[in-house]
Amino acid sequence: KPNARKVAHIEKNSKVALNFNTDETGDQHVIVITGEASFDMNCPPAH
């Protein structure tokens, strides 16, 4: 959503992190991705 807090945060600081859930019985991969976020003005709509 354009008015979401994450959008306001990225507008002020483009550094972000991504990580996936883990669990003790199945997926135990710990993955942390850091990166630069930007707004893709040329991206088609989600649908």
All heavy atoms as atom14 arrays in JSON, in Angstrom:
{
  "sequence": "KPNARKVAHIEKNSKVALNFNTDETGDQHVIVITGEASFDMNCPPAH",
  "atom14_mask": [
    [1, 1, 1, 1, 1, 1, 1, 1, 1, 0, 0, 0, 0, 0],
    [1, 1, 1, 1, 1, 1, 1, 0, 0, 0, 0, 0, 0, 0],
    [1, 1, 1, 1, 1, 1, 1, 1, 0, 0, 0, 0, 0, 0],
    [1, 1, 1, 1, 1, 0, 0, 0, 0, 0, 0, 0, 0, 0],
    [1, 1, 1, 1, 1, 1, 1, 1, 1, 1, 1, 0, 0, 0],
    [1, 1, 1, 1, 1, 1, 1, 1, 1, 0, 0, 0, 0, 0],
    [1, 1, 1, 1, 1, 1, 1, 0, 0, 0, 0, 0, 0, 0],
    [1, 1, 1, 1, 1, 0, 0, 0, 0, 0, 0, 0, 0, 0],
    [1, 1, 1, 1, 1, 1, 1, 1, 1, 1, 0, 0, 0, 0],
    [1, 1, 1, 1, 1, 1, 1, 1, 0, 0, 0, 0, 0, 0],
    [1, 1, 1, 1, 1, 1, 1, 1, 1, 0, 0, 0, 0, 0],
    [1, 1, 1, 1, 1, 1, 1, 1, 1, 0, 0, 0, 0, 0],
    [1, 1, 1, 1, 1, 1, 1, 1, 0, 0, 0, 0, 0, 0],
    [1, 1, 1, 1, 1, 1, 0, 0, 0, 0, 0, 0, 0, 0],
    [1, 1, 1, 1, 1, 1, 1, 1, 1, 0, 0, 0, 0, 0],
    [1, 1, 1, 1, 1, 1, 1, 0, 0, 0, 0, 0, 0, 0],
    [1, 1, 1, 1, 1, 0, 0, 0, 0, 0, 0, 0, 0, 0],
    [1, 1, 1, 1, 1, 1, 1, 1, 0, 0, 0, 0, 0, 0],
    [1, 1, 1, 1, 1, 1, 1, 1, 0, 0, 0, 0, 0, 0],
    [1, 1, 1, 1, 1, 1, 1, 1, 1, 1, 1, 0, 0, 0],
    [1, 1, 1, 1, 1, 1, 1, 1, 0, 0, 0, 0, 0, 0],
    [1, 1, 1, 1, 1, 1, 1, 0, 0, 0, 0, 0, 0, 0],
    [1, 1, 1, 1, 1, 1, 1, 1, 0, 0, 0, 0, 0, 0],
    [1, 1, 1, 1, 1, 1, 1, 1, 1, 0, 0, 0, 0, 0],
    [1, 1, 1, 1, 1, 1, 1, 0, 0, 0, 0, 0, 0, 0],
    [1, 1, 1, 1, 0, 0, 0, 0, 0, 0, 0, 0, 0, 0],
    [1, 1, 1, 1, 1, 1, 1, 1, 0, 0, 0, 0, 0, 0],
    [1, 1, 1, 1, 1, 1, 1, 1, 1, 0, 0, 0, 0, 0],
    [1, 1, 1, 1, 1, 1, 1, 1, 1, 1, 0, 0, 0, 0],
    [1, 1, 1, 1, 1, 1, 1, 0, 0, 0, 0, 0, 0, 0],
    [1, 1, 1, 1, 1, 1, 1, 1, 0, 0, 0, 0, 0, 0],
    [1, 1, 1, 1, 1, 1, 1, 0, 0, 0, 0, 0, 0, 0],
    [1, 1, 1, 1, 1, 1, 1, 1, 0, 0, 0, 0, 0, 0],
    [1, 1, 1, 1, 1, 1, 1, 0, 0, 0, 0, 0, 0, 0],
    [1, 1, 1, 1, 0, 0, 0, 0, 0, 0, 0, 0, 0, 0],
    [1, 1, 1, 1, 1, 1, 1, 1, 1, 0, 0, 0, 0, 0],
    [1, 1, 1, 1, 1, 0, 0, 0, 0, 0, 0, 0, 0, 0],
    [1, 1, 1, 1, 1, 1, 0, 0, 0, 0, 0, 0, 0, 0],
    [1, 1, 1, 1, 1, 1, 1, 1, 1, 1, 1, 0, 0, 0],
    [1, 1, 1, 1, 1, 1, 1, 1, 0, 0, 0, 0, 0, 0],
    [1, 1, 1, 1, 1, 1, 1, 1, 0, 0, 0, 0, 0, 0],
    [1, 1, 1, 1, 1, 1, 1, 1, 0, 0, 0, 0, 0, 0],
    [1, 1, 1, 1, 1, 1, 0, 0, 0, 0, 0, 0, 0, 0],
    [1, 1, 1, 1, 1, 1, 1, 0, 0, 0, 0, 0, 0, 0],
    [1, 1, 1, 1, 1, 1, 1, 0, 0, 0, 0, 0, 0, 0],
    [1, 1, 1, 1, 1, 0, 0, 0, 0, 0, 0, 0, 0, 0],
    [1, 1, 1, 1, 1, 1, 1, 1, 1, 1, 0, 0, 0, 0]
  ],
  "atom14_positions": [
    [[0.88, -1.17, 0.0], [0.0, 0.0, 0.0], [0.92, 1.22, 0.0], [1.92, 1.24, 0.72], [-0.89, 0.01, 1.24], [-1.9, -1.12, 1.27], [-2.74, -1.05, 2.54], [-3.78, -2.16, 2.55], [-4.62, -2.11, 3.77], [0.0, 0.0, 0.0], [0.0, 0.0, 0.0], [0.0, 0.0, 0.0], [0.0, 0.0, 0.0], [0.0, 0.0, 0.0]],
    [[0.61, 2.25, -0.79], [1.51, 3.4, -0.87], [1.69, 4.15, 0.44], [2.73, 4.77, 0.65], [0.88, 4.29, -1.93], [-0.36, 3.63, -2.39], [-0.52, 2.34, -1.68], [0.0, 0.0, 0.0], [0.0, 0.0, 0.0], [0.0, 0.0, 0.0], [0.0, 0.0, 0.0], [0.0, 0.0, 0.0], [0.0, 0.0, 0.0], [0.0, 0.0, 0.0]],
    [[0.71, 4.08, 1.33], [0.81, 4.82, 2.6], [1.28, 3.94, 3.76], [1.21, 4.36, 4.92], [-0.54, 5.47, 2.93], [-1.66, 4.45, 3.05], [-1.49, 3.29, 2.68], [-2.8, 4.87, 3.55], [0.0, 0.0, 0.0], [0.0, 0.0, 0.0], [0.0, 0.0, 0.0], [0.0, 0.0, 0.0], [0.0, 0.0, 0.0], [0.0, 0.0, 0.0]],
    [[1.78, 2.76, 3.46], [2.27, 1.86, 4.51], [3.54, 2.42, 5.16], [4.32, 3.13, 4.53], [2.55, 0.47, 3.93], [0.0, 0.0, 0.0], [0.0, 0.0, 0.0], [0.0, 0.0, 0.0], [0.0, 0.0, 0.0], [0.0, 0.0, 0.0], [0.0, 0.0, 0.0], [0.0, 0.0, 0.0], [0.0, 0.0, 0.0], [0.0, 0.0, 0.0]],
    [[3.73, 2.08, 6.43], [4.92, 2.56, 7.15], [6.2, 2.09, 6.47], [7.18, 2.84, 6.43], [4.89, 2.08, 8.62], [3.72, 2.63, 9.43], [3.6, 4.14, 9.49], [4.87, 4.78, 9.83], [5.2, 6.0, 9.42], [4.39, 6.7, 8.68], [6.35, 6.52, 9.77], [0.0, 0.0, 0.0], [0.0, 0.0, 0.0], [0.0, 0.0, 0.0]],
    [[6.22, 0.87, 5.94], [7.44, 0.38, 5.3], [7.85, 1.28, 4.14], [9.03, 1.49, 3.88], [7.32, -1.08, 4.87], [6.3, -1.37, 3.8], [6.28, -2.87, 3.51], [5.02, -3.31, 2.83], [3.87, -3.41, 3.71], [0.0, 0.0, 0.0], [0.0, 0.0, 0.0], [0.0, 0.0, 0.0], [0.0, 0.0, 0.0], [0.0, 0.0, 0.0]],
    [[6.87, 1.85, 3.42], [7.17, 2.75, 2.32], [7.84, 4.02, 2.86], [8.86, 4.47, 2.33], [5.89, 3.08, 1.51], [6.15, 4.21, 0.52], [5.4, 1.83, 0.79], [0.0, 0.0, 0.0], [0.0, 0.0, 0.0], [0.0, 0.0, 0.0], [0.0, 0.0, 0.0], [0.0, 0.0, 0.0], [0.0, 0.0, 0.0], [0.0, 0.0, 0.0]],
    [[7.27, 4.59, 3.91], [7.87, 5.79, 4.52], [9.27, 5.49, 5.03], [10.19, 6.32, 4.89], [6.98, 6.3, 5.66], [0.0, 0.0, 0.0], [0.0, 0.0, 0.0], [0.0, 0.0, 0.0], [0.0, 0.0, 0.0], [0.0, 0.0, 0.0], [0.0, 0.0, 0.0], [0.0, 0.0, 0.0], [0.0, 0.0, 0.0], [0.0, 0.0, 0.0]],
    [[9.47, 4.31, 5.63], [10.8, 3.95, 6.12], [11.8, 3.89, 4.97], [12.92, 4.41, 5.07], [10.77, 2.6, 6.84], [9.91, 2.58, 8.06], [9.51, 1.41, 8.64], [9.36, 3.57, 8.81], [8.76, 1.68, 9.7], [8.66, 2.99, 9.81], [0.0, 0.0, 0.0], [0.0, 0.0, 0.0], [0.0, 0.0, 0.0], [0.0, 0.0, 0.0]],
    [[11.41, 3.22, 3.88], [12.31, 3.06, 2.73], [12.62, 4.41, 2.09], [13.75, 4.64, 1.63], [11.72, 2.06, 1.72], [11.74, 0.64, 2.33], [12.47, 2.09, 0.4], [10.93, -0.38, 1.56], [0.0, 0.0, 0.0], [0.0, 0.0, 0.0], [0.0, 0.0, 0.0], [0.0, 0.0, 0.0], [0.0, 0.0, 0.0], [0.0, 0.0, 0.0]],
    [[11.64, 5.31, 2.08], [11.89, 6.64, 1.52], [13.0, 7.36, 2.29], [13.76, 8.13, 1.71], [10.61, 7.48, 1.56], [9.61, 7.06, 0.5], [8.26, 7.74, 0.62], [7.94, 8.31, 1.7], [7.51, 7.7, -0.37], [0.0, 0.0, 0.0], [0.0, 0.0, 0.0], [0.0, 0.0, 0.0], [0.0, 0.0, 0.0], [0.0, 0.0, 0.0]],
    [[13.13, 7.09, 3.58], [14.15, 7.75, 4.41], [15.44, 6.95, 4.51], [16.51, 7.51, 4.73], [13.59, 7.99, 5.81], [12.52, 9.06, 5.83], [12.09, 9.36, 7.26], [11.26, 10.6, 7.33], [9.87, 10.47, 7.22], [0.0, 0.0, 0.0], [0.0, 0.0, 0.0], [0.0, 0.0, 0.0], [0.0, 0.0, 0.0], [0.0, 0.0, 0.0]],
    [[15.33, 5.61, 4.41], [16.51, 4.76, 4.55], [16.28, 3.5, 3.71], [15.46, 2.65, 4.05], [16.72, 4.38, 6.02], [17.99, 3.6, 6.25], [18.56, 3.01, 5.33], [18.43, 3.57, 7.5], [0.0, 0.0, 0.0], [0.0, 0.0, 0.0], [0.0, 0.0, 0.0], [0.0, 0.0, 0.0], [0.0, 0.0, 0.0], [0.0, 0.0, 0.0]],
    [[17.01, 3.38, 2.63], [16.79, 2.28, 1.68], [17.4, 0.96, 2.11], [17.19, -0.06, 1.46], [17.33, 2.68, 0.31], [18.74, 2.85, 0.37], [0.0, 0.0, 0.0], [0.0, 0.0, 0.0], [0.0, 0.0, 0.0], [0.0, 0.0, 0.0], [0.0, 0.0, 0.0], [0.0, 0.0, 0.0], [0.0, 0.0, 0.0], [0.0, 0.0, 0.0]],
    [[18.15, 0.95, 3.2], [18.77, -0.3, 3.65], [17.73, -1.16, 4.37], [17.06, -0.7, 5.29], [19.95, -0.01, 4.56], [21.08, 0.68, 3.82], [22.31, 0.78, 4.66], [23.44, 1.52, 4.01], [23.59, 1.41, 2.6], [0.0, 0.0, 0.0], [0.0, 0.0, 0.0], [0.0, 0.0, 0.0], [0.0, 0.0, 0.0], [0.0, 0.0, 0.0]],
    [[17.6, -2.41, 3.92], [16.61, -3.33, 4.47], [17.24, -4.7, 4.67], [18.34, -4.97, 4.18], [15.37, -3.46, 3.55], [14.68, -2.11, 3.37], [15.74, -4.06, 2.21], [0.0, 0.0, 0.0], [0.0, 0.0, 0.0], [0.0, 0.0, 0.0], [0.0, 0.0, 0.0], [0.0, 0.0, 0.0], [0.0, 0.0, 0.0], [0.0, 0.0, 0.0]],
    [[16.51, -5.55, 5.38], [16.92, -6.95, 5.54], [15.71, -7.84, 5.28], [14.57, -7.44, 5.52], [17.47, -7.2, 6.95], [0.0, 0.0, 0.0], [0.0, 0.0, 0.0], [0.0, 0.0, 0.0], [0.0, 0.0, 0.0], [0.0, 0.0, 0.0], [0.0, 0.0, 0.0], [0.0, 0.0, 0.0], [0.0, 0.0, 0.0], [0.0, 0.0, 0.0]],
    [[15.99, -9.03, 4.79], [14.97, -10.05, 4.56], [15.43, -11.32, 5.25], [16.61, -11.65, 5.23], [14.82, -10.34, 3.06], [14.44, -9.18, 2.16], [14.71, -9.54, 0.7], [12.98, -8.83, 2.36], [0.0, 0.0, 0.0], [0.0, 0.0, 0.0], [0.0, 0.0, 0.0], [0.0, 0.0, 0.0], [0.0, 0.0, 0.0], [0.0, 0.0, 0.0]],
    [[14.5, -12.02, 5.88], [14.83, -13.33, 6.43], [13.6, -14.23, 6.38], [12.47, -13.76, 6.31], [15.41, -13.25, 7.84], [14.43, -12.74, 8.85], [14.19, -11.54, 8.94], [13.83, -13.65, 9.61], [0.0, 0.0, 0.0], [0.0, 0.0, 0.0], [0.0, 0.0, 0.0], [0.0, 0.0, 0.0], [0.0, 0.0, 0.0], [0.0, 0.0, 0.0]],
    [[13.86, -15.53, 6.39], [12.81, -16.53, 6.31], [12.6, -17.18, 7.66], [13.5, -17.22, 8.5], [13.19, -17.62, 5.29], [13.33, -17.09, 3.9], [14.56, -16.74, 3.38], [12.21, -16.92, 3.1], [14.69, -16.24, 2.09], [12.31, -16.43, 1.81], [13.55, -16.09, 1.31], [0.0, 0.0, 0.0], [0.0, 0.0, 0.0], [0.0, 0.0, 0.0]],
    [[11.4, -17.72, 7.86], [11.12, -18.48, 9.08], [11.94, -19.76, 9.11], [12.28, -20.31, 8.06], [9.63, -18.86, 9.15], [8.74, -17.68, 9.45], [9.16, -16.71, 10.06], [7.5, -17.77, 9.01], [0.0, 0.0, 0.0], [0.0, 0.0, 0.0], [0.0, 0.0, 0.0], [0.0, 0.0, 0.0], [0.0, 0.0, 0.0], [0.0, 0.0, 0.0]],
    [[12.25, -20.23, 10.31], [12.87, -21.53, 10.51], [12.04, -22.27, 11.55], [11.23, -21.67, 12.25], [14.32, -21.41, 11.04], [14.29, -20.74, 12.29], [15.21, -20.66, 10.07], [0.0, 0.0, 0.0], [0.0, 0.0, 0.0], [0.0, 0.0, 0.0], [0.0, 0.0, 0.0], [0.0, 0.0, 0.0], [0.0, 0.0, 0.0], [0.0, 0.0, 0.0]],
    [[12.23, -23.57, 11.63], [11.6, -24.33, 12.7], [12.5, -25.48, 13.11], [13.42, -25.84, 12.39], [10.18, -24.8, 12.33], [10.16, -25.81, 11.2], [10.87, -26.83, 11.29], [9.41, -25.59, 10.23], [0.0, 0.0, 0.0], [0.0, 0.0, 0.0], [0.0, 0.0, 0.0], [0.0, 0.0, 0.0], [0.0, 0.0, 0.0], [0.0, 0.0, 0.0]],
    [[12.23, -26.02, 14.27], [13.12, -27.04, 14.82], [12.95, -28.4, 14.16], [13.84, -29.23, 14.22], [12.88, -27.17, 16.32], [13.31, -25.94, 17.09], [13.06, -26.07, 18.57], [12.79, -27.19, 19.05], [13.14, -25.04, 19.26], [0.0, 0.0, 0.0], [0.0, 0.0, 0.0], [0.0, 0.0, 0.0], [0.0, 0.0, 0.0], [0.0, 0.0, 0.0]],
    [[11.83, -28.65, 13.53], [11.58, -29.99, 12.99], [11.72, -30.08, 11.48], [11.98, -31.15, 10.96], [10.16, -30.46, 13.37], [9.21, -29.52, 12.85], [10.01, -30.57, 14.87], [0.0, 0.0, 0.0], [0.0, 0.0, 0.0], [0.0, 0.0, 0.0], [0.0, 0.0, 0.0], [0.0, 0.0, 0.0], [0.0, 0.0, 0.0], [0.0, 0.0, 0.0]],
    [[11.57, -28.97, 10.77], [11.6, -29.03, 9.31], [12.71, -28.17, 8.75], [13.86, -28.57, 8.65], [0.0, 0.0, 0.0], [0.0, 0.0, 0.0], [0.0, 0.0, 0.0], [0.0, 0.0, 0.0], [0.0, 0.0, 0.0], [0.0, 0.0, 0.0], [0.0, 0.0, 0.0], [0.0, 0.0, 0.0], [0.0, 0.0, 0.0], [0.0, 0.0, 0.0]],
    [[12.36, -26.96, 8.41], [13.3, -26.07, 7.76], [14.19, -25.39, 8.79], [13.74, -24.61, 9.6], [12.52, -25.01, 6.97], [13.44, -24.18, 6.09], [14.66, -24.3, 6.23], [12.92, -23.42, 5.27], [0.0, 0.0, 0.0], [0.0, 0.0, 0.0], [0.0, 0.0, 0.0], [0.0, 0.0, 0.0], [0.0, 0.0, 0.0], [0.0, 0.0, 0.0]],
    [[15.47, -25.73, 8.73], [16.41, -25.18, 9.7], [17.43, -24.25, 9.06], [18.41, -23.88, 9.68], [17.11, -26.32, 10.44], [16.14, -27.18, 11.22], [16.82, -28.35, 11.91], [18.03, -28.46, 11.94], [16.02, -29.24, 12.46], [0.0, 0.0, 0.0], [0.0, 0.0, 0.0], [0.0, 0.0, 0.0], [0.0, 0.0, 0.0], [0.0, 0.0, 0.0]],
    [[17.2, -23.86, 7.8], [18.13, -22.94, 7.15], [17.93, -21.53, 7.71], [16.82, -21.03, 7.75], [17.87, -22.89, 5.64], [18.21, -24.15, 4.94], [17.27, -25.08, 4.6], [19.39, -24.62, 4.51], [17.85, -26.1, 3.99], [19.14, -25.85, 3.93], [0.0, 0.0, 0.0], [0.0, 0.0, 0.0], [0.0, 0.0, 0.0], [0.0, 0.0, 0.0]],
    [[19.01, -20.94, 8.15], [18.98, -19.55, 8.57], [19.51, -18.74, 7.39], [20.65, -18.95, 6.95], [19.82, -19.31, 9.83], [19.91, -17.83, 10.14], [19.24, -20.09, 11.0], [0.0, 0.0, 0.0], [0.0, 0.0, 0.0], [0.0, 0.0, 0.0], [0.0, 0.0, 0.0], [0.0, 0.0, 0.0], [0.0, 0.0, 0.0], [0.0, 0.0, 0.0]],
    [[18.67, -17.86, 6.86], [19.05, -17.06, 5.69], [18.7, -15.61, 5.98], [17.55, -15.29, 6.29], [18.3, -17.54, 4.43], [18.66, -18.99, 4.12], [18.6, -16.62, 3.24], [17.78, -19.64, 3.06], [0.0, 0.0, 0.0], [0.0, 0.0, 0.0], [0.0, 0.0, 0.0], [0.0, 0.0, 0.0], [0.0, 0.0, 0.0], [0.0, 0.0, 0.0]],
    [[19.7, -14.75, 5.87], [19.5, -13.31, 6.05], [20.07, -12.63, 4.8], [21.24, -12.82, 4.46], [20.2, -12.78, 7.31], [20.01, -11.26, 7.43], [19.7, -13.49, 8.55], [0.0, 0.0, 0.0], [0.0, 0.0, 0.0], [0.0, 0.0, 0.0], [0.0, 0.0, 0.0], [0.0, 0.0, 0.0], [0.0, 0.0, 0.0], [0.0, 0.0, 0.0]],
    [[19.22, -11.85, 4.16], [19.63, -11.11, 2.97], [19.53, -9.63, 3.33], [18.48, -9.17, 3.79], [18.7, -11.41, 1.78], [18.74, -12.91, 1.44], [19.06, -10.55, 0.58], [17.67, -13.35, 0.46], [0.0, 0.0, 0.0], [0.0, 0.0, 0.0], [0.0, 0.0, 0.0], [0.0, 0.0, 0.0], [0.0, 0.0, 0.0], [0.0, 0.0, 0.0]],
    [[20.61, -8.9, 3.16], [20.54, -7.45, 3.32], [20.6, -6.85, 1.92], [21.16, -7.44, 0.99], [21.66, -6.9, 4.21], [22.92, -7.37, 3.71], [21.49, -7.35, 5.65], [0.0, 0.0, 0.0], [0.0, 0.0, 0.0], [0.0, 0.0, 0.0], [0.0, 0.0, 0.0], [0.0, 0.0, 0.0], [0.0, 0.0, 0.0], [0.0, 0.0, 0.0]],
    [[19.99, -5.67, 1.8], [19.96, -5.08, 0.48], [19.49, -3.65, 0.47], [19.24, -3.04, 1.51], [0.0, 0.0, 0.0], [0.0, 0.0, 0.0], [0.0, 0.0, 0.0], [0.0, 0.0, 0.0], [0.0, 0.0, 0.0], [0.0, 0.0, 0.0], [0.0, 0.0, 0.0], [0.0, 0.0, 0.0], [0.0, 0.0, 0.0], [0.0, 0.0, 0.0]],
    [[19.39, -3.14, -0.74], [18.93, -1.78, -1.0], [17.55, -1.86, -1.64], [17.37, -2.52, -2.66], [19.89, -1.06, -1.95], [21.26, -0.8, -1.38], [21.29, 0.36, -0.41], [20.43, 1.27, -0.52], [22.18, 0.38, 0.46], [0.0, 0.0, 0.0], [0.0, 0.0, 0.0], [0.0, 0.0, 0.0], [0.0, 0.0, 0.0], [0.0, 0.0, 0.0]],
    [[16.61, -1.17, -1.03], [15.24, -1.13, -1.55], [15.04, 0.13, -2.37], [15.56, 1.2, -2.04], [14.24, -1.17, -0.4], [0.0, 0.0, 0.0], [0.0, 0.0, 0.0], [0.0, 0.0, 0.0], [0.0, 0.0, 0.0], [0.0, 0.0, 0.0], [0.0, 0.0, 0.0], [0.0, 0.0, 0.0], [0.0, 0.0, 0.0], [0.0, 0.0, 0.0]],
    [[14.27, -0.02, -3.44], [13.9, 1.15, -4.25], [12.49, 0.92, -4.76], [11.95, -0.19, -4.7], [14.88, 1.33, -5.41], [14.86, 0.21, -6.26], [0.0, 0.0, 0.0], [0.0, 0.0, 0.0], [0.0, 0.0, 0.0], [0.0, 0.0, 0.0], [0.0, 0.0, 0.0], [0.0, 0.0, 0.0], [0.0, 0.0, 0.0], [0.0, 0.0, 0.0]],
    [[11.9, 1.97, -5.25], [10.55, 1.88, -5.79], [10.66, 1.71, -7.3], [11.32, 2.51, -7.97], [9.74, 3.12, -5.41], [9.65, 3.29, -3.92], [10.36, 4.27, -3.27], [8.87, 2.42, -3.17], [10.29, 4.4, -1.9], [8.81, 2.54, -1.8], [9.52, 3.53, -1.16], [0.0, 0.0, 0.0], [0.0, 0.0, 0.0], [0.0, 0.0, 0.0]],
    [[10.04, 0.66, -7.81], [10.11, 0.34, -9.23], [8.93, 0.98, -9.94], [7.83, 0.43, -9.97], [10.11, -1.18, -9.42], [10.35, -1.59, -10.86], [10.19, -0.74, -11.77], [10.67, -2.78, -11.08], [0.0, 0.0, 0.0], [0.0, 0.0, 0.0], [0.0, 0.0, 0.0], [0.0, 0.0, 0.0], [0.0, 0.0, 0.0], [0.0, 0.0, 0.0]],
    [[9.15, 2.15, -10.49], [8.09, 2.92, -11.14], [7.68, 2.31, -12.48], [6.62, 2.64, -13.01], [8.53, 4.37, -11.34], [9.03, 5.02, -10.06], [7.91, 4.81, -8.68], [7.19, 6.4, -8.63], [0.0, 0.0, 0.0], [0.0, 0.0, 0.0], [0.0, 0.0, 0.0], [0.0, 0.0, 0.0], [0.0, 0.0, 0.0], [0.0, 0.0, 0.0]],
    [[8.49, 1.42, -13.04], [8.19, 0.81, -14.33], [7.56, -0.58, -14.2], [7.29, -1.23, -15.21], [9.46, 0.72, -15.19], [10.02, 2.09, -15.5], [9.27, 3.0, -15.84], [11.32, 2.25, -15.34], [0.0, 0.0, 0.0], [0.0, 0.0, 0.0], [0.0, 0.0, 0.0], [0.0, 0.0, 0.0], [0.0, 0.0, 0.0], [0.0, 0.0, 0.0]],
    [[7.36, -1.03, -12.98], [6.8, -2.36, -12.75], [5.31, -2.36, -13.09], [4.58, -1.45, -12.69], [7.0, -2.76, -11.29], [6.5, -4.45, -10.94], [0.0, 0.0, 0.0], [0.0, 0.0, 0.0], [0.0, 0.0, 0.0], [0.0, 0.0, 0.0], [0.0, 0.0, 0.0], [0.0, 0.0, 0.0], [0.0, 0.0, 0.0], [0.0, 0.0, 0.0]],
    [[4.85, -3.37, -13.81], [3.41, -3.47, -14.05], [2.68, -3.73, -12.73], [3.3, -4.15, -11.75], [3.26, -4.64, -15.01], [4.56, -5.34, -15.04], [5.6, -4.44, -14.44], [0.0, 0.0, 0.0], [0.0, 0.0, 0.0], [0.0, 0.0, 0.0], [0.0, 0.0, 0.0], [0.0, 0.0, 0.0], [0.0, 0.0, 0.0], [0.0, 0.0, 0.0]],
    [[1.37, -3.52, -12.69], [0.62, -3.82, -11.47], [0.72, -5.31, -11.12], [0.97, -6.15, -11.99], [-0.82, -3.43, -11.81], [-0.83, -2.91, -13.19], [0.55, -3.01, -13.76], [0.0, 0.0, 0.0], [0.0, 0.0, 0.0], [0.0, 0.0, 0.0], [0.0, 0.0, 0.0], [0.0, 0.0, 0.0], [0.0, 0.0, 0.0], [0.0, 0.0, 0.0]],
    [[0.51, -5.61, -9.86], [0.68, -6.99, -9.36], [-0.07, -8.01, -10.2], [0.46, -9.08, -10.5], [0.24, -7.07, -7.9], [0.0, 0.0, 0.0], [0.0, 0.0, 0.0], [0.0, 0.0, 0.0], [0.0, 0.0, 0.0], [0.0, 0.0, 0.0], [0.0, 0.0, 0.0], [0.0, 0.0, 0.0], [0.0, 0.0, 0.0], [0.0, 0.0, 0.0]],
    [[-1.3, -7.7, -10.59], [-2.1, -8.69, -11.34], [-1.59, -8.9, -12.76], [-2.01, -9.84, -13.42], [-3.59, -8.32, -11.34], [-3.95, -7.17, -12.23], [-3.75, -5.87, -11.84], [-4.49, -7.14, -13.46], [-4.16, -5.06, -12.83], [-4.62, -5.82, -13.81], [0.0, 0.0, 0.0], [0.0, 0.0, 0.0], [0.0, 0.0, 0.0], [0.0, 0.0, 0.0]]
  ]
}
